[in-house]
Protein backbone atom coordinates (compact mmCIF):
# COMPACT_ATOMS: atom_id res chain seq x y z
CA UNK A 1 0.00 0.00 0.00
CA UNK A 2 1.29 3.46 -0.84
CA UNK A 3 0.23 6.72 0.84
CA UNK A 4 0.76 9.86 -1.25
CA UNK A 5 0.46 13.27 0.41
CA UNK A 6 1.52 16.87 0.02
CA UNK A 7 -0.33 17.96 3.17
CA UNK A 8 0.99 18.30 6.68
CA UNK A 9 1.32 14.80 8.10
CA UNK A 10 -1.51 13.71 10.43
CA UNK A 11 -3.77 16.20 8.61
CA UNK A 12 -6.66 17.40 10.78
CA UNK A 13 -4.89 16.17 13.92
CA UNK A 14 -2.07 18.68 13.41
CA UNK A 15 -3.89 21.42 11.57
CA UNK A 16 -7.37 21.48 13.12
CA UNK A 17 -8.98 24.60 14.54
CA UNK A 18 -8.14 23.67 18.15
CA UNK A 19 -4.41 23.65 18.93
CA UNK A 20 -3.14 20.91 21.22
CA UNK A 21 -1.88 21.79 24.67
CA UNK A 22 -0.28 18.58 25.83
CA UNK A 23 -2.53 18.74 28.91
CA UNK A 24 -4.12 15.41 29.99
CA UNK A 25 -7.88 15.27 29.80
CA UNK A 26 -8.44 17.38 26.71
CA UNK A 27 -10.00 15.60 23.72
CA UNK A 28 -7.71 17.57 21.43
CA UNK A 29 -4.82 15.73 23.08
CA UNK A 30 -6.26 12.31 23.96
CA UNK A 31 -8.17 11.79 20.71
CA UNK A 32 -5.40 13.29 18.61
CA UNK A 33 -2.75 11.22 20.33
CA UNK A 34 -4.71 8.04 19.64
CA UNK A 35 -4.83 8.94 15.96
CA UNK A 36 -1.14 9.86 15.93
CA UNK A 37 -0.27 6.50 17.50
CA UNK A 38 -2.36 4.64 14.92
CA UNK A 39 -0.87 6.62 12.03
CA UNK A 40 2.67 6.06 13.30
CA UNK A 41 2.09 2.31 13.60
CA UNK A 42 0.69 2.25 10.07
CA UNK A 43 3.49 4.41 8.66
CA UNK A 44 6.15 2.11 10.10
CA UNK A 45 4.49 -1.05 8.78
CA UNK A 46 6.36 -3.01 6.14
CA UNK A 47 3.07 -3.24 4.22
CA UNK A 48 2.80 0.54 3.93
CA UNK A 49 4.94 3.08 2.09
CA UNK A 50 4.58 6.83 2.70
CA UNK A 51 5.47 9.43 0.04
CA UNK A 52 5.17 13.04 1.18
CA UNK A 53 5.77 16.35 -0.58
CA UNK A 54 4.06 15.03 -3.71
CA UNK A 55 1.17 16.93 -5.28
CA UNK A 56 -1.29 14.46 -6.82
CA UNK A 57 -2.74 15.98 -9.96
CA UNK A 58 0.49 17.85 -10.72
CA UNK A 59 3.54 15.72 -9.86
CA UNK A 60 1.65 12.53 -10.64
CA UNK A 61 -1.83 12.14 -12.09
CA UNK A 62 -4.64 10.01 -10.70
CA UNK A 63 -4.63 8.05 -13.97
CA UNK A 64 -0.94 7.21 -13.42
CA UNK A 65 -1.65 6.08 -9.87
CA UNK A 66 -4.53 3.90 -11.08
CA UNK A 67 -2.22 2.22 -13.59
CA UNK A 68 0.28 1.47 -10.84
CA UNK A 69 -2.14 0.26 -8.12
CA UNK A 70 -5.16 -2.03 -8.08
CA UNK A 71 -7.17 0.48 -6.01
CA UNK A 72 -6.71 4.20 -5.35
CA UNK A 73 -8.41 6.04 -2.45
CA UNK A 74 -8.63 9.85 -2.57
CA UNK A 75 -8.77 10.90 1.05
CA UNK A 76 -8.28 14.64 1.24
CA UNK A 77 -10.07 17.49 2.93
CA UNK A 78 -11.32 20.98 2.14
CA UNK A 79 -8.60 23.50 1.31
CA UNK A 80 -10.97 26.27 0.23
CA UNK A 81 -13.67 28.19 2.08
CA UNK A 82 -17.14 29.48 1.33
CA UNK A 83 -17.28 33.22 0.70
CA UNK A 84 -19.83 35.64 2.14
CA UNK A 85 -20.52 37.23 -1.25
CA UNK A 86 -21.27 40.69 0.21
CA UNK A 87 -19.82 44.16 -0.44
CA UNK A 88 -16.71 44.95 1.60
CA UNK A 89 -15.64 41.33 1.98
CA UNK A 90 -12.21 42.15 0.52
CA UNK A 91 -11.47 45.05 2.86
CA UNK A 92 -8.43 44.92 5.13
CA UNK A 93 -9.43 43.40 8.46
CA UNK A 94 -11.66 40.73 6.88
CA UNK A 95 -10.30 37.18 6.87
CA UNK A 96 -11.55 33.66 6.39
CA UNK A 97 -11.52 31.50 9.51
CA UNK A 98 -9.73 28.84 7.45
CA UNK A 99 -6.80 31.18 6.76
CA UNK A 100 -6.78 32.42 10.36
CA UNK A 101 -6.68 28.85 11.71
CA UNK A 102 -3.90 28.00 9.28
CA UNK A 103 -1.99 31.07 10.46
CA UNK A 104 -1.92 30.17 14.15
CA UNK A 105 -1.53 26.45 13.47
CA UNK A 106 1.58 26.86 11.33
CA UNK A 107 0.36 25.96 7.84
CA UNK A 108 3.04 27.28 5.47
CA UNK A 109 0.50 28.70 3.01
CA UNK A 110 -0.97 31.02 5.69
CA UNK A 111 2.16 32.37 7.35
CA UNK A 112 2.01 35.67 5.46
CA UNK A 113 -1.50 36.47 6.76
CA UNK A 114 -0.49 38.96 9.51
CA UNK A 115 -4.03 39.61 10.83
CA UNK A 116 -4.64 43.06 12.28
CA UNK A 117 -5.60 42.55 15.94
CA UNK A 118 -5.48 46.22 16.92
CA UNK A 119 -9.25 46.64 17.43
CA UNK A 120 -11.24 45.87 20.58
CA UNK A 121 -14.18 44.07 18.91
CA UNK A 122 -14.13 41.11 16.52
CA UNK A 123 -17.11 39.57 14.77
CA UNK A 124 -17.18 35.99 13.54
CA UNK A 125 -19.79 35.11 10.92
CA UNK A 126 -20.83 31.56 11.70
CA UNK A 127 -21.74 29.50 14.74
CA UNK A 128 -19.93 26.21 14.25
CA UNK A 129 -17.05 24.60 16.12
CA UNK A 130 -14.43 26.42 14.05
CA UNK A 131 -16.04 29.75 14.93
CA UNK A 132 -15.93 28.90 18.64
CA UNK A 133 -12.32 27.74 18.42
CA UNK A 134 -11.29 30.97 16.69
CA UNK A 135 -13.10 33.01 19.36
CA UNK A 136 -11.31 31.01 22.05
CA UNK A 137 -7.92 31.71 20.51
CA UNK A 138 -8.69 35.44 20.30
CA UNK A 139 -9.77 35.63 23.96
CA UNK A 140 -7.57 33.05 25.72
CA UNK A 141 -5.04 34.30 28.28
CA UNK A 142 -1.53 34.21 26.88
CA UNK A 143 -0.50 31.88 29.71
CA UNK A 144 -2.82 29.20 28.28
CA UNK A 145 -1.77 29.70 24.67
CA UNK A 146 1.91 29.42 25.60
CA UNK A 147 1.28 25.79 26.61
CA UNK A 148 -0.12 24.86 23.21
CA UNK A 149 1.55 24.14 19.87
CA UNK A 150 0.52 27.50 18.39
CA UNK A 151 3.47 28.95 16.48
CA UNK A 152 5.80 31.46 18.14
CA UNK A 153 5.04 34.14 15.55
CA UNK A 154 1.30 33.78 16.17
CA UNK A 155 1.85 33.91 19.93
CA UNK A 156 3.79 37.14 19.53
CA UNK A 157 0.93 38.67 17.53
CA UNK A 158 -1.73 37.45 19.98
CA UNK A 159 0.32 38.83 22.88
CA UNK A 160 -0.12 42.30 21.35
CA UNK A 161 -3.80 41.80 20.51
CA UNK A 162 -6.25 44.50 21.64
CA UNK A 163 -9.31 42.28 21.03
CA UNK A 164 -11.47 42.20 24.17
CA UNK A 165 -14.87 41.29 22.72
CA UNK A 166 -15.98 38.67 20.19
CA UNK A 167 -19.45 38.25 18.71
CA UNK A 168 -20.48 35.06 16.89
CA UNK A 169 -23.28 35.76 14.45
CA UNK A 170 -25.72 33.28 12.91
CA UNK A 171 -28.59 33.64 10.40
CA UNK A 172 -30.85 31.32 12.38
CA UNK A 173 -31.62 30.66 16.04
CA UNK A 174 -30.23 28.75 19.03
CA UNK A 175 -31.85 25.50 17.88
CA UNK A 176 -29.86 25.65 14.64
CA UNK A 177 -26.44 26.49 16.10
CA UNK A 178 -23.87 24.13 14.58
CA UNK A 179 -21.31 23.92 17.39
CA UNK A 180 -21.25 20.97 19.78
CA UNK A 181 -21.51 20.91 23.55
CA UNK A 182 -17.84 20.22 24.25
CA UNK A 183 -16.66 23.30 22.36
CA UNK A 184 -19.40 25.46 23.91
CA UNK A 185 -18.54 24.30 27.43
CA UNK A 186 -14.86 25.08 26.88
CA UNK A 187 -15.81 28.57 25.73
CA UNK A 188 -18.13 29.17 28.68
CA UNK A 189 -15.39 28.09 31.09
CA UNK A 190 -12.62 30.08 29.39
CA UNK A 191 -10.66 31.95 32.11
CA UNK A 192 -10.88 35.72 31.91
CA UNK A 193 -13.83 35.80 29.48
CA UNK A 194 -17.51 36.07 30.38
CA UNK A 195 -20.37 34.87 28.16
CA UNK A 196 -22.96 37.45 27.11
CA UNK A 197 -26.16 35.75 26.00
CA UNK A 198 -29.46 37.58 25.49
CA UNK A 199 -32.11 35.95 27.74
CA UNK A 200 -34.81 36.83 25.19
CA UNK A 201 -33.20 34.41 22.71
CA UNK A 202 -33.77 31.48 25.08
CA UNK A 203 -37.01 32.24 26.91
CA UNK A 204 -39.53 29.45 26.28
CA UNK A 205 -37.08 27.11 24.59
CA UNK A 206 -37.39 24.51 27.36
CA UNK A 207 -40.67 23.28 25.86
CA UNK A 208 -39.36 23.38 22.29
CA UNK A 209 -36.56 20.92 23.03
CA UNK A 210 -38.54 18.26 24.90
CA UNK A 211 -38.60 15.89 21.92
CA UNK A 212 -35.37 16.88 20.20
CA UNK A 213 -32.45 14.42 19.89
CA UNK A 214 -30.29 14.18 23.01
CA UNK A 215 -27.19 16.02 21.65
CA UNK A 216 -29.27 19.01 20.54
CA UNK A 217 -31.25 18.97 23.79
CA UNK A 218 -28.13 18.96 25.99
CA UNK A 219 -26.52 21.71 23.93
CA UNK A 220 -29.59 23.94 24.16
CA UNK A 221 -29.97 23.26 27.88
CA UNK A 222 -26.42 24.49 28.43
CA UNK A 223 -27.16 27.70 26.50
CA UNK A 224 -30.41 28.19 28.44
CA UNK A 225 -28.62 27.67 31.75
CA UNK A 226 -25.90 30.16 30.83
CA UNK A 227 -28.39 32.77 29.62
CA UNK A 228 -31.20 32.45 32.16
CA UNK A 229 -29.95 31.00 35.43
CA UNK A 230 -28.61 33.37 38.04
CA UNK A 231 -24.97 32.42 38.63
CA UNK A 232 -23.56 31.82 42.09
CA UNK A 233 -21.86 34.55 44.05
CA UNK A 234 -18.37 33.29 43.23
CA UNK A 235 -19.18 33.05 39.51
CA UNK A 236 -20.59 36.59 39.56
CA UNK A 237 -17.35 37.88 41.06
CA UNK A 238 -15.21 36.02 38.53
CA UNK A 239 -17.27 37.23 35.58
CA UNK A 240 -17.33 40.81 36.85
CA UNK A 241 -13.53 40.79 36.96
CA UNK A 242 -13.16 39.21 33.51
CA UNK A 243 -11.37 41.60 31.12
CA UNK A 244 -12.85 39.98 28.00
CA UNK A 245 -16.30 38.89 26.82
CA UNK A 246 -17.99 36.97 24.03
CA UNK A 247 -21.54 36.45 22.89
CA UNK A 248 -23.91 34.81 20.42
CA UNK A 249 -26.07 36.94 18.14
CA UNK A 250 -28.85 34.99 16.46
CA UNK A 251 -31.12 35.71 13.46
CA UNK A 252 -28.77 38.14 11.77
CA UNK A 253 -27.56 37.84 8.18
CA UNK A 254 -24.53 39.90 7.01
CA UNK A 255 -25.34 42.38 4.24
CA UNK A 256 -22.19 44.50 3.98
CA UNK A 257 -18.83 45.01 5.64
CA UNK A 258 -18.69 48.73 6.34
CA UNK A 259 -15.49 50.62 5.46
CA UNK A 260 -13.68 53.33 7.39
CA UNK A 261 -13.99 56.92 6.14
CA UNK A 262 -10.94 56.53 3.93
CA UNK A 263 -12.20 53.19 2.62
CA UNK A 264 -9.03 51.39 3.65
CA UNK A 265 -10.33 48.83 6.12
CA UNK A 266 -13.35 47.37 7.94
CA UNK A 267 -15.01 49.38 10.70
CA UNK A 268 -18.21 47.39 11.15
CA UNK A 269 -20.85 45.24 9.55
CA UNK A 270 -24.47 45.77 8.50
CA UNK A 271 -26.77 42.84 9.17
CA UNK A 272 -30.34 42.04 8.16
CA UNK A 273 -32.51 40.85 11.01
CA UNK A 274 -34.30 37.60 10.20
CA UNK A 275 -37.29 35.53 11.24
CA UNK A 276 -37.49 31.75 10.99
CA UNK A 277 -39.83 29.80 8.77
CA UNK A 278 -40.12 26.14 9.70
CA UNK A 279 -38.43 24.42 12.58
CA UNK A 280 -35.39 22.34 13.46
CA UNK A 281 -32.52 21.96 11.04
CA UNK A 282 -34.78 22.73 8.07
CA UNK A 283 -35.77 26.19 9.36
CA UNK A 284 -35.06 28.99 6.89
CA UNK A 285 -33.94 32.53 7.78
CA UNK A 286 -36.14 35.17 6.11
CA UNK A 287 -35.14 38.88 6.25
CA UNK A 288 -37.63 41.00 8.18
CA UNK A 289 -36.68 44.26 6.47
CA UNK A 290 -34.96 45.62 9.56
CA UNK A 291 -31.19 46.08 9.70
CA UNK A 292 -28.59 46.51 12.42
CA UNK A 293 -25.05 47.84 12.34
CA UNK A 294 -22.32 46.60 14.66
CA UNK A 295 -18.93 48.23 15.08
CA UNK A 296 -15.99 45.85 14.70
CA UNK A 297 -12.50 46.20 13.26
CA UNK A 298 -11.96 42.48 12.69
CA UNK A 299 -14.34 40.24 10.70
CA UNK A 300 -13.77 36.50 10.35
CA UNK A 301 -15.91 34.44 8.00
CA UNK A 302 -16.58 30.92 9.28
CA UNK A 303 -19.44 29.73 7.10
CA UNK A 304 -17.95 26.51 5.82
CA UNK A 305 -15.03 24.85 4.09
CA UNK A 306 -14.99 23.53 0.56
CA UNK A 307 -13.08 20.76 -1.20
CA UNK A 308 -11.53 21.40 -4.61
CA UNK A 309 -11.17 19.07 -7.61
CA UNK A 310 -7.84 17.25 -7.63
CA UNK A 311 -7.49 15.98 -11.16
CA UNK A 312 -9.52 16.43 -14.38
CA UNK A 313 -9.97 12.66 -14.65
CA UNK A 314 -11.86 12.49 -11.33
CA UNK A 315 -15.62 13.28 -11.29
CA UNK A 316 -16.41 16.28 -9.10
CA UNK A 317 -19.67 17.88 -7.97
CA UNK A 318 -18.84 21.60 -7.98
CA UNK A 319 -22.14 22.51 -6.34
CA UNK A 320 -21.66 20.28 -3.31
CA UNK A 321 -17.86 20.36 -3.33
CA UNK A 322 -17.51 16.57 -3.19
CA UNK A 323 -16.55 13.61 -5.36
CA UNK A 324 -19.82 11.82 -6.34
CA UNK A 325 -19.73 8.44 -4.66
CA UNK A 326 -21.65 5.58 -3.14
CA UNK A 327 -20.19 4.38 0.17
CA UNK A 328 -16.84 5.73 -0.99
CA UNK A 329 -16.96 4.18 -4.48
CA UNK A 330 -16.39 6.98 -7.02
CA UNK A 331 -19.29 6.97 -9.47
CA UNK A 332 -18.38 5.61 -12.88
CA UNK A 333 -14.75 4.83 -12.05
CA UNK A 334 -14.28 1.25 -10.74
CA UNK A 335 -11.23 0.89 -8.54
CA UNK A 336 -11.29 4.55 -7.47
CA UNK A 337 -12.54 5.46 -4.00
CA UNK A 338 -12.81 8.51 -1.75
CA UNK A 339 -12.94 9.23 1.96
CA UNK A 340 -13.13 12.17 4.34
CA UNK A 341 -14.50 15.63 3.64
CA UNK A 342 -14.13 15.23 -0.13
CA UNK A 343 -16.47 12.26 0.20
CA UNK A 344 -19.29 13.74 2.28
CA UNK A 345 -18.56 17.46 2.78
CA UNK A 346 -16.77 19.42 5.54
CA UNK A 347 -18.66 18.28 8.62
CA UNK A 348 -17.85 16.37 11.77
CA UNK A 349 -14.87 15.87 14.05
CA UNK A 350 -11.99 13.38 14.04
CA UNK A 351 -14.14 10.41 15.09
CA UNK A 352 -16.65 11.21 12.32
CA UNK A 353 -13.89 11.12 9.73
CA UNK A 354 -12.50 7.88 11.19
CA UNK A 355 -15.85 6.11 10.93
CA UNK A 356 -16.26 7.47 7.41
CA UNK A 357 -12.87 6.02 6.40
CA UNK A 358 -13.86 2.64 7.84
CA UNK A 359 -16.92 2.71 5.57
CA UNK A 360 -14.75 3.32 2.50
CA UNK A 361 -12.27 0.62 3.55
CA UNK A 362 -15.17 -1.82 3.85
CA UNK A 363 -16.21 -0.97 0.27
CA UNK A 364 -12.67 -1.69 -0.95
CA UNK A 365 -12.64 -5.06 0.84
CA UNK A 366 -16.07 -5.99 -0.52
CA UNK A 367 -14.98 -5.14 -4.08
CA UNK A 368 -11.86 -7.24 -3.56
CA UNK A 369 -13.91 -10.19 -2.39
CA UNK A 370 -16.45 -10.12 -5.24
CA UNK A 371 -13.89 -9.52 -7.98
CA UNK A 372 -14.61 -5.89 -8.86
CA UNK A 373 -10.92 -5.31 -8.23
CA UNK A 374 -8.91 -7.59 -10.52
CA UNK A 375 -5.81 -8.63 -8.59
CA UNK A 376 -4.98 -11.61 -10.82
CA UNK A 377 -2.20 -9.58 -12.41
CA UNK A 378 0.39 -7.67 -10.41
CA UNK A 379 0.85 -3.89 -10.53
CA UNK A 380 4.19 -2.11 -10.20
CA UNK A 381 3.11 0.28 -7.45
CA UNK A 382 5.86 2.68 -6.47
CA UNK A 383 8.22 1.15 -9.01
CA UNK A 384 6.18 2.77 -11.78
CA UNK A 385 5.33 5.99 -9.95
CA UNK A 386 8.86 6.46 -8.62
CA UNK A 387 10.19 6.42 -12.17
CA UNK A 388 7.65 9.07 -13.20
CA UNK A 389 8.61 11.30 -10.25
CA UNK A 390 12.33 10.98 -10.96
CA UNK A 391 11.75 12.00 -14.56
CA UNK A 392 9.87 15.06 -13.29
CA UNK A 393 12.50 15.99 -10.71
CA UNK A 394 10.27 15.23 -7.71
CA UNK A 395 11.90 13.68 -4.62
CA UNK A 396 9.35 12.24 -2.16
CA UNK A 397 9.68 12.51 1.62
CA UNK A 398 9.59 9.15 3.40
CA UNK A 399 7.92 8.38 6.71
CA UNK A 400 11.32 8.13 8.41
CA UNK A 401 12.07 11.60 6.97
CA UNK A 402 8.83 12.85 8.49
CA UNK A 403 9.77 11.36 11.86
CA UNK A 404 13.00 13.38 11.79
CA UNK A 405 10.97 16.56 11.21
CA UNK A 406 8.55 15.53 13.95
CA UNK A 407 11.40 14.88 16.41
CA UNK A 408 12.90 18.29 15.64
CA UNK A 409 9.55 20.03 16.24
CA UNK A 410 9.02 18.19 19.54
CA UNK A 411 12.58 19.01 20.68
CA UNK A 412 12.12 22.70 19.88
CA UNK A 413 8.80 22.68 21.69
CA UNK A 414 10.27 21.00 24.76
CA UNK A 415 12.89 23.72 25.00
CA UNK A 416 10.09 26.31 25.00
CA UNK A 417 7.79 24.39 27.37
CA UNK A 418 5.34 23.46 24.59
CA UNK A 419 4.20 20.15 23.04
CA UNK A 420 6.01 21.13 19.83
CA UNK A 421 7.21 24.13 17.85
CA UNK A 422 6.00 23.66 14.30
CA UNK A 423 8.38 24.31 11.44
CA UNK A 424 6.46 26.55 9.04
CA UNK A 425 8.96 26.78 6.17
CA UNK A 426 8.87 23.76 3.81
CA UNK A 427 12.43 24.48 2.67
CA UNK A 428 13.65 24.29 6.27
CA UNK A 429 11.91 20.93 6.61
CA UNK A 430 13.63 19.61 3.49
CA UNK A 431 17.02 20.92 4.62
CA UNK A 432 16.52 19.19 7.96
CA UNK A 433 16.20 15.81 6.26
CA UNK A 434 18.98 16.47 3.75
CA UNK A 435 16.84 17.02 0.66
């Protein structure tokens, strides 16, 4: 089996919205470490060969891989983001959450971002887990961030941040919020930041959630408790002393990012107030005709990620941003499979993606058993692809090469009291392994 990748090794584990802290008890660390252990075991297996720093679709085509292997699985994520599509979106001070996450997590492609954190109020469009994670990074005490694997350059910028308030805006209501209870609880308990929830948004919701699925019910109950219940005396004192705050604004749809007088950067956002038609996840946000303006110098768009087509020979649904498939089998192309966000869209957490990959693997095994995959004749595998790469001047990175990079990052992090210090320059990585 060959694994071909140009992405950061361990993918979502290393580059997800929530940086790892190395502190026991956090899912980011326990769940991620389990995946890292499994990946390392697989990468070291004699039955597996890892080839990094190879761009499939450019350095080698999918057709060439299919000629070399009996089965090919495309298991990549979403490297693009949905755009707001409103005036002012390209002003200075407006960023995608995807780029912002890549910036503080050390993705090489985002290291030139240099977000302006000189304002006191930030607004995040979107109410999913990524939006909450971004808000948490903006408002976390520096003492907490210093224990994570956030890059040194990002830490330096966050240390100078003037952001004291973050609003998370959604078109629909509390019952349609996309974040999960773990991320919300972490945000509510964030030291030095108090939640600001409008009680009117939650009054009467207790009856509305009686018959909802348990995850949605527990999530809404936590929001109701935070918004409506009178906190204890100690909590009141802690919140009163908190220097930062965050809140959820529901039923607001962005219309325009407002520019400063000289038109150089964002100063605020105009939003249409909405009402809901329907209920549950199918509820639609309908503009009421009323608008609201909110001052903010930093706008982050977190309304969804989007996969991109990899190779012209691979079918791709541009509307949905996925490879058309049935249980991971690419439609119309026997022997070609897909997994992950490019298979079902950019939703879910690590465990969701794991279960999704198991489903695709089961399809491969079933096709092997019933003869859809013809293994009666041998394929050259890397022997064929390696020759193609050499002819094109491409030198792959092996798994042992990656482990050298990993060891260097961990060593640098240990010296700084962090889980790791990520190397953000690909050329430095290659020099480290003698390429």
